[in-house]
Amino acid sequence: MGIEDEVGANAVKVYKAMKDLAYTNEEKMGTAERITQSAKLPKNMVLNALQELQTKGWARRKVREKAAGYYLVK
């Protein structure tokens, strides 16, 4: 069972953008702003997709001083 079966189309697009940017662990995580530029989706859609990925266990969010960082766990 792949990611396409678990999440919506925007979340898949965001997942692939994060994979391309190599945001695969806590040392290499990116901001929602960077992911928005790469995924070429409006920021609110990216934030909703990131929320969905977190809920399903595909991504994690780490609170930092300036901007939260996101990375993939699956």
PDB file of N, CA and C in Angstrom:
ATOM      1  N   MET A   1       0.843  -1.189   0.000  1.00  0.00           N
ATOM      2  CA  MET A   1       0.000   0.000   0.000  1.00  0.00           C
ATOM      3  C   MET A   1       0.883   1.247   0.000  1.00  0.00           C
ATOM      4  N   GLY A   2       0.688   2.111  -0.988  1.00  0.00           N
ATOM      5  CA  GLY A   2       1.507   3.306  -1.122  1.00  0.00           C
ATOM      6  C   GLY A   2       0.842   4.538  -0.563  1.00  0.00           C
ATOM      7  N   ILE A   3       1.552   5.637  -0.667  1.00  0.00           N
ATOM      8  CA  ILE A   3       1.039   6.899  -0.138  1.00  0.00           C
ATOM      9  C   ILE A   3      -0.211   7.363  -0.894  1.00  0.00           C
ATOM     10  N   GLU A   4      -0.298   7.046  -2.187  1.00  0.00           N
ATOM     11  CA  GLU A   4      -1.446   7.466  -2.991  1.00  0.00           C
ATOM     12  C   GLU A   4      -2.759   6.909  -2.449  1.00  0.00           C
ATOM     13  N   ASP A   5      -2.691   5.741  -1.790  1.00  0.00           N
ATOM     14  CA  ASP A   5      -3.887   5.117  -1.235  1.00  0.00           C
ATOM     15  C   ASP A   5      -4.327   5.746   0.081  1.00  0.00           C
ATOM     16  N   GLU A   6      -3.415   6.439   0.755  1.00  0.00           N
ATOM     17  CA  GLU A   6      -3.701   6.939   2.103  1.00  0.00           C
ATOM     18  C   GLU A   6      -4.048   8.415   2.186  1.00  0.00           C
ATOM     19  N   VAL A   7      -3.508   9.221   1.269  1.00  0.00           N
ATOM     20  CA  VAL A   7      -3.699  10.679   1.361  1.00  0.00           C
ATOM     21  C   VAL A   7      -4.193  11.249   0.033  1.00  0.00           C
ATOM     22  N   GLY A   8      -4.617  12.502   0.071  1.00  0.00           N
ATOM     23  CA  GLY A   8      -5.137  13.172  -1.115  1.00  0.00           C
ATOM     24  C   GLY A   8      -4.049  13.578  -2.100  1.00  0.00           C
ATOM     25  N   ALA A   9      -4.493  14.086  -3.247  1.00  0.00           N
ATOM     26  CA  ALA A   9      -3.588  14.447  -4.345  1.00  0.00           C
ATOM     27  C   ALA A   9      -2.582  15.540  -3.954  1.00  0.00           C
ATOM     28  N   ASN A  10      -3.045  16.561  -3.232  1.00  0.00           N
ATOM     29  CA  ASN A  10      -2.136  17.636  -2.822  1.00  0.00           C
ATOM     30  C   ASN A  10      -1.080  17.121  -1.855  1.00  0.00           C
ATOM     31  N   ALA A  11      -1.476  16.231  -0.961  1.00  0.00           N
ATOM     32  CA  ALA A  11      -0.526  15.667  -0.003  1.00  0.00           C
ATOM     33  C   ALA A  11       0.527  14.830  -0.725  1.00  0.00           C
ATOM     34  N   VAL A  12       0.120  14.113  -1.769  1.00  0.00           N
ATOM     35  CA  VAL A  12       1.080  13.331  -2.564  1.00  0.00           C
ATOM     36  C   VAL A  12       2.065  14.270  -3.249  1.00  0.00           C
ATOM     37  N   LYS A  13       1.561  15.379  -3.778  1.00  0.00           N
ATOM     38  CA  LYS A  13       2.419  16.362  -4.453  1.00  0.00           C
ATOM     39  C   LYS A  13       3.428  16.969  -3.473  1.00  0.00           C
ATOM     40  N   VAL A  14       2.964  17.292  -2.277  1.00  0.00           N
ATOM     41  CA  VAL A  14       3.839  17.841  -1.236  1.00  0.00           C
ATOM     42  C   VAL A  14       4.862  16.789  -0.804  1.00  0.00           C
ATOM     43  N   TYR A  15       4.420  15.553  -0.654  1.00  0.00           N
ATOM     44  CA  TYR A  15       5.329  14.444  -0.288  1.00  0.00           C
ATOM     45  C   TYR A  15       6.450  14.313  -1.320  1.00  0.00           C
ATOM     46  N   LYS A  16       6.081  14.336  -2.595  1.00  0.00           N
ATOM     47  CA  LYS A  16       7.083  14.192  -3.666  1.00  0.00           C
ATOM     48  C   LYS A  16       8.031  15.386  -3.694  1.00  0.00           C
ATOM     49  N   ALA A  17       7.504  16.579  -3.432  1.00  0.00           N
ATOM     50  CA  ALA A  17       8.354  17.772  -3.385  1.00  0.00           C
ATOM     51  C   ALA A  17       9.353  17.656  -2.239  1.00  0.00           C
ATOM     52  N   MET A  18       8.897  17.178  -1.090  1.00  0.00           N
ATOM     53  CA  MET A  18       9.792  17.006   0.065  1.00  0.00           C
ATOM     54  C   MET A  18      10.841  15.935  -0.227  1.00  0.00           C
ATOM     55  N   LYS A  19      10.443  14.880  -0.924  1.00  0.00           N
ATOM     56  CA  LYS A  19      11.372  13.813  -1.299  1.00  0.00           C
ATOM     57  C   LYS A  19      12.452  14.381  -2.237  1.00  0.00           C
ATOM     58  N   ASP A  20      12.026  15.196  -3.219  1.00  0.00           N
ATOM     59  CA  ASP A  20      12.967  15.814  -4.162  1.00  0.00           C
ATOM     60  C   ASP A  20      13.940  16.752  -3.456  1.00  0.00           C
ATOM     61  N   LEU A  21      13.460  17.449  -2.421  1.00  0.00           N
ATOM     62  CA  LEU A  21      14.298  18.377  -1.660  1.00  0.00           C
ATOM     63  C   LEU A  21      15.128  17.664  -0.594  1.00  0.00           C
ATOM     64  N   ALA A  22      14.943  16.360  -0.469  1.00  0.00           N
ATOM     65  CA  ALA A  22      15.681  15.508   0.484  1.00  0.00           C
ATOM     66  C   ALA A  22      15.418  15.890   1.939  1.00  0.00           C
ATOM     67  N   TYR A  23      14.168  16.229   2.249  1.00  0.00           N
ATOM     68  CA  TYR A  23      13.774  16.500   3.637  1.00  0.00           C
ATOM     69  C   TYR A  23      13.370  15.183   4.277  1.00  0.00           C
ATOM     70  N   THR A  24      14.365  14.339   4.548  1.00  0.00           N
ATOM     71  CA  THR A  24      14.076  12.980   4.978  1.00  0.00           C
ATOM     72  C   THR A  24      14.429  12.692   6.426  1.00  0.00           C
ATOM     73  N   ASN A  25      15.047  13.640   7.112  1.00  0.00           N
ATOM     74  CA  ASN A  25      15.321  13.430   8.537  1.00  0.00           C
ATOM     75  C   ASN A  25      15.398  14.777   9.251  1.00  0.00           C
ATOM     76  N   GLU A  26      15.535  14.714  10.563  1.00  0.00           N
ATOM     77  CA  GLU A  26      15.491  15.932  11.379  1.00  0.00           C
ATOM     78  C   GLU A  26      16.645  16.889  11.071  1.00  0.00           C
ATOM     79  N   GLU A  27      17.787  16.347  10.646  1.00  0.00           N
ATOM     80  CA  GLU A  27      18.928  17.208  10.312  1.00  0.00           C
ATOM     81  C   GLU A  27      18.691  17.959   9.003  1.00  0.00           C
ATOM     82  N   LYS A  28      17.896  17.353   8.119  1.00  0.00           N
ATOM     83  CA  LYS A  28      17.621  17.972   6.816  1.00  0.00           C
ATOM     84  C   LYS A  28      16.123  18.212   6.683  1.00  0.00           C
ATOM     85  N   MET A  29      15.621  19.188   7.411  1.00  0.00           N
ATOM     86  CA  MET A  29      14.197  19.495   7.295  1.00  0.00           C
ATOM     87  C   MET A  29      14.023  20.878   6.683  1.00  0.00           C
ATOM     88  N   GLY A  30      12.842  21.095   6.104  1.00  0.00           N
ATOM     89  CA  GLY A  30      12.594  22.357   5.430  1.00  0.00           C
ATOM     90  C   GLY A  30      11.348  23.047   5.942  1.00  0.00           C
ATOM     91  N   THR A  31      11.246  24.319   5.598  1.00  0.00           N
ATOM     92  CA  THR A  31      10.097  25.121   6.018  1.00  0.00           C
ATOM     93  C   THR A  31       8.939  24.944   5.043  1.00  0.00           C
ATOM     94  N   ALA A  32       7.768  25.308   5.496  1.00  0.00           N
ATOM     95  CA  ALA A  32       6.582  25.258   4.632  1.00  0.00           C
ATOM     96  C   ALA A  32       6.769  26.174   3.425  1.00  0.00           C
ATOM     97  N   GLU A  33       7.484  27.272   3.622  1.00  0.00           N
ATOM     98  CA  GLU A  33       7.744  28.226   2.533  1.00  0.00           C
ATOM     99  C   GLU A  33       8.524  27.567   1.399  1.00  0.00           C
ATOM    100  N   ARG A  34       9.585  26.851   1.753  1.00  0.00           N
ATOM    101  CA  ARG A  34      10.399  26.141   0.756  1.00  0.00           C
ATOM    102  C   ARG A  34       9.591  25.070   0.030  1.00  0.00           C
ATOM    103  N   ILE A  35       8.802  24.336   0.803  1.00  0.00           N
ATOM    104  CA  ILE A  35       7.985  23.265   0.223  1.00  0.00           C
ATOM    105  C   ILE A  35       6.946  23.857  -0.725  1.00  0.00           C
ATOM    106  N   THR A  36       6.387  25.014  -0.349  1.00  0.00           N
ATOM    107  CA  THR A  36       5.407  25.708  -1.190  1.00  0.00           C
ATOM    108  C   THR A  36       6.010  26.062  -2.536  1.00  0.00           C
ATOM    109  N   GLN A  37       7.232  26.586  -2.531  1.00  0.00           N
ATOM    110  CA  GLN A  37       7.903  26.962  -3.780  1.00  0.00           C
ATOM    111  C   GLN A  37       8.139  25.745  -4.667  1.00  0.00           C
ATOM    112  N   SER A  38       8.532  24.644  -4.063  1.00  0.00           N
ATOM    113  CA  SER A  38       8.844  23.439  -4.821  1.00  0.00           C
ATOM    114  C   SER A  38       7.586  22.733  -5.342  1.00  0.00           C
ATOM    115  N   ALA A  39       6.549  22.675  -4.518  1.00  0.00           N
ATOM    116  CA  ALA A  39       5.324  21.960  -4.900  1.00  0.00           C
ATOM    117  C   ALA A  39       4.459  22.760  -5.867  1.00  0.00           C
ATOM    118  N   LYS A  40       4.706  24.077  -5.954  1.00  0.00           N
ATOM    119  CA  LYS A  40       3.930  24.969  -6.814  1.00  0.00           C
ATOM    120  C   LYS A  40       2.426  24.899  -6.523  1.00  0.00           C
ATOM    121  N   LEU A  41       2.125  24.945  -5.226  1.00  0.00           N
ATOM    122  CA  LEU A  41       0.738  25.005  -4.745  1.00  0.00           C
ATOM    123  C   LEU A  41       0.611  26.223  -3.839  1.00  0.00           C
ATOM    124  N   PRO A  42      -0.603  26.744  -3.658  1.00  0.00           N
ATOM    125  CA  PRO A  42      -0.786  27.838  -2.696  1.00  0.00           C
ATOM    126  C   PRO A  42      -0.393  27.386  -1.281  1.00  0.00           C
ATOM    127  N   LYS A  43       0.098  28.328  -0.477  1.00  0.00           N
ATOM    128  CA  LYS A  43       0.620  27.982   0.837  1.00  0.00           C
ATOM    129  C   LYS A  43      -0.420  27.313   1.735  1.00  0.00           C
ATOM    130  N   ASN A  44      -1.663  27.775   1.695  1.00  0.00           N
ATOM    131  CA  ASN A  44      -2.680  27.157   2.550  1.00  0.00           C
ATOM    132  C   ASN A  44      -2.925  25.702   2.161  1.00  0.00           C
ATOM    133  N   MET A  45      -2.830  25.380   0.870  1.00  0.00           N
ATOM    134  CA  MET A  45      -2.983  23.987   0.430  1.00  0.00           C
ATOM    135  C   MET A  45      -1.799  23.141   0.907  1.00  0.00           C
ATOM    136  N   VAL A  46      -0.612  23.720   0.871  1.00  0.00           N
ATOM    137  CA  VAL A  46       0.585  23.014   1.347  1.00  0.00           C
ATOM    138  C   VAL A  46       0.475  22.754   2.847  1.00  0.00           C
ATOM    139  N   LEU A  47       0.042  23.747   3.605  1.00  0.00           N
ATOM    140  CA  LEU A  47      -0.115  23.574   5.051  1.00  0.00           C
ATOM    141  C   LEU A  47      -1.155  22.505   5.374  1.00  0.00           C
ATOM    142  N   ASN A  48      -2.264  22.493   4.632  1.00  0.00           N
ATOM    143  CA  ASN A  48      -3.282  21.450   4.832  1.00  0.00           C
ATOM    144  C   ASN A  48      -2.720  20.072   4.485  1.00  0.00           C
ATOM    145  N   ALA A  49      -1.954  19.995   3.400  1.00  0.00           N
ATOM    146  CA  ALA A  49      -1.351  18.724   2.992  1.00  0.00           C
ATOM    147  C   ALA A  49      -0.335  18.251   4.023  1.00  0.00           C
ATOM    148  N   LEU A  50       0.454  19.172   4.568  1.00  0.00           N
ATOM    149  CA  LEU A  50       1.424  18.816   5.609  1.00  0.00           C
ATOM    150  C   LEU A  50       0.710  18.292   6.850  1.00  0.00           C
ATOM    151  N   GLN A  51      -0.399  18.924   7.196  1.00  0.00           N
ATOM    152  CA  GLN A  51      -1.208  18.469   8.336  1.00  0.00           C
ATOM    153  C   GLN A  51      -1.713  17.049   8.100  1.00  0.00           C
ATOM    154  N   GLU A  52      -2.182  16.799   6.881  1.00  0.00           N
ATOM    155  CA  GLU A  52      -2.678  15.466   6.531  1.00  0.00           C
ATOM    156  C   GLU A  52      -1.552  14.430   6.599  1.00  0.00           C
ATOM    157  N   LEU A  53      -0.375  14.784   6.081  1.00  0.00           N
ATOM    158  CA  LEU A  53       0.777  13.872   6.127  1.00  0.00           C
ATOM    159  C   LEU A  53       1.176  13.565   7.573  1.00  0.00           C
ATOM    160  N   GLN A  54       1.104  14.571   8.438  1.00  0.00           N
ATOM    161  CA  GLN A  54       1.424  14.356   9.850  1.00  0.00           C
ATOM    162  C   GLN A  54       0.405  13.429  10.511  1.00  0.00           C
ATOM    163  N   THR A  55      -0.865  13.652  10.221  1.00  0.00           N
ATOM    164  CA  THR A  55      -1.931  12.849  10.809  1.00  0.00           C
ATOM    165  C   THR A  55      -1.794  11.378  10.423  1.00  0.00           C
ATOM    166  N   LYS A  56      -1.412  11.133   9.175  1.00  0.00           N
ATOM    167  CA  LYS A  56      -1.284   9.754   8.679  1.00  0.00           C
ATOM    168  C   LYS A  56       0.072   9.137   9.019  1.00  0.00           C
ATOM    169  N   GLY A  57       0.978   9.924   9.596  1.00  0.00           N
ATOM    170  CA  GLY A  57       2.273   9.390  10.001  1.00  0.00           C
ATOM    171  C   GLY A  57       3.345   9.401   8.934  1.00  0.00           C
ATOM    172  N   TRP A  58       3.171  10.182   7.886  1.00  0.00           N
ATOM    173  CA  TRP A  58       4.159  10.246   6.803  1.00  0.00           C
ATOM    174  C   TRP A  58       5.192  11.344   7.021  1.00  0.00           C
ATOM    175  N   ALA A  59       4.857  12.350   7.822  1.00  0.00           N
ATOM    176  CA  ALA A  59       5.766  13.482   8.033  1.00  0.00           C
ATOM    177  C   ALA A  59       5.711  13.911   9.498  1.00  0.00           C
ATOM    178  N   ARG A  60       6.733  14.657   9.903  1.00  0.00           N
ATOM    179  CA  ARG A  60       6.778  15.204  11.260  1.00  0.00           C
ATOM    180  C   ARG A  60       7.038  16.698  11.180  1.00  0.00           C
ATOM    181  N   ARG A  61       6.581  17.388  12.220  1.00  0.00           N
ATOM    182  CA  ARG A  61       6.783  18.834  12.340  1.00  0.00           C
ATOM    183  C   ARG A  61       7.606  19.083  13.584  1.00  0.00           C
ATOM    184  N   LYS A  62       8.618  19.915  13.454  1.00  0.00           N
ATOM    185  CA  LYS A  62       9.483  20.260  14.585  1.00  0.00           C
ATOM    186  C   LYS A  62       9.406  21.772  14.776  1.00  0.00           C
ATOM    187  N   VAL A  63       8.999  22.196  15.956  1.00  0.00           N
ATOM    188  CA  VAL A  63       8.886  23.627  16.247  1.00  0.00           C
ATOM    189  C   VAL A  63      10.285  24.177  16.500  1.00  0.00           C
ATOM    190  N   ARG A  64      10.601  25.257  15.795  1.00  0.00           N
ATOM    191  CA  ARG A  64      11.894  25.912  15.962  1.00  0.00           C
ATOM    192  C   ARG A  64      11.665  27.385  16.284  1.00  0.00           C
ATOM    193  N   GLU A  65      12.747  28.131  16.446  1.00  0.00           N
ATOM    194  CA  GLU A  65      12.613  29.531  16.847  1.00  0.00           C
ATOM    195  C   GLU A  65      11.863  30.385  15.829  1.00  0.00           C
ATOM    196  N   LYS A  66      12.304  30.366  14.567  1.00  0.00           N
ATOM    197  CA  LYS A  66      11.682  31.234  13.574  1.00  0.00           C
ATOM    198  C   LYS A  66      10.536  30.565  12.831  1.00  0.00           C
ATOM    199  N   ALA A  67      10.798  29.432  12.219  1.00  0.00           N
ATOM    200  CA  ALA A  67       9.767  28.733  11.439  1.00  0.00           C
ATOM    201  C   ALA A  67       9.823  27.248  11.747  1.00  0.00           C
ATOM    202  N   ALA A  68       8.677  26.625  11.734  1.00  0.00           N
ATOM    203  CA  ALA A  68       8.628  25.181  11.978  1.00  0.00           C
ATOM    204  C   ALA A  68       9.291  24.440  10.826  1.00  0.00           C
ATOM    205  N   GLY A  69       9.909  23.316  11.150  1.00  0.00           N
ATOM    206  CA  GLY A  69      10.546  22.502  10.131  1.00  0.00           C
ATOM    207  C   GLY A  69       9.766  21.216   9.923  1.00  0.00           C
ATOM    208  N   TYR A  70       9.760  20.748   8.694  1.00  0.00           N
ATOM    209  CA  TYR A  70       9.037  19.525   8.342  1.00  0.00           C
ATOM    210  C   TYR A  70       9.997  18.541   7.698  1.00  0.00           C
ATOM    211  N   TYR A  71       9.787  17.251   8.001  1.00  0.00           N
ATOM    212  CA  TYR A  71      10.588  16.209   7.363  1.00  0.00           C
ATOM    213  C   TYR A  71       9.769  14.930   7.272  1.00  0.00           C
ATOM    214  N   LEU A  72      10.180  14.044   6.368  1.00  0.00           N
ATOM    215  CA  LEU A  72       9.464  12.797   6.135  1.00  0.00           C
ATOM    216  C   LEU A  72       9.961  11.704   7.063  1.00  0.00           C
ATOM    217  N   VAL A  73       9.062  10.827   7.456  1.00  0.00           N
ATOM    218  CA  VAL A  73       9.465   9.694   8.299  1.00  0.00           C
ATOM    219  C   VAL A  73       9.235   8.356   7.593  1.00  0.00           C
ATOM    220  N   LYS A  74       8.496   8.340   6.500  1.00  0.00           N
ATOM    221  CA  LYS A  74       8.275   7.101   5.736  1.00  0.00           C
ATOM    222  C   LYS A  74       8.789   7.274   4.329  1.00  0.00           C
TER     223      LYS A  74
END
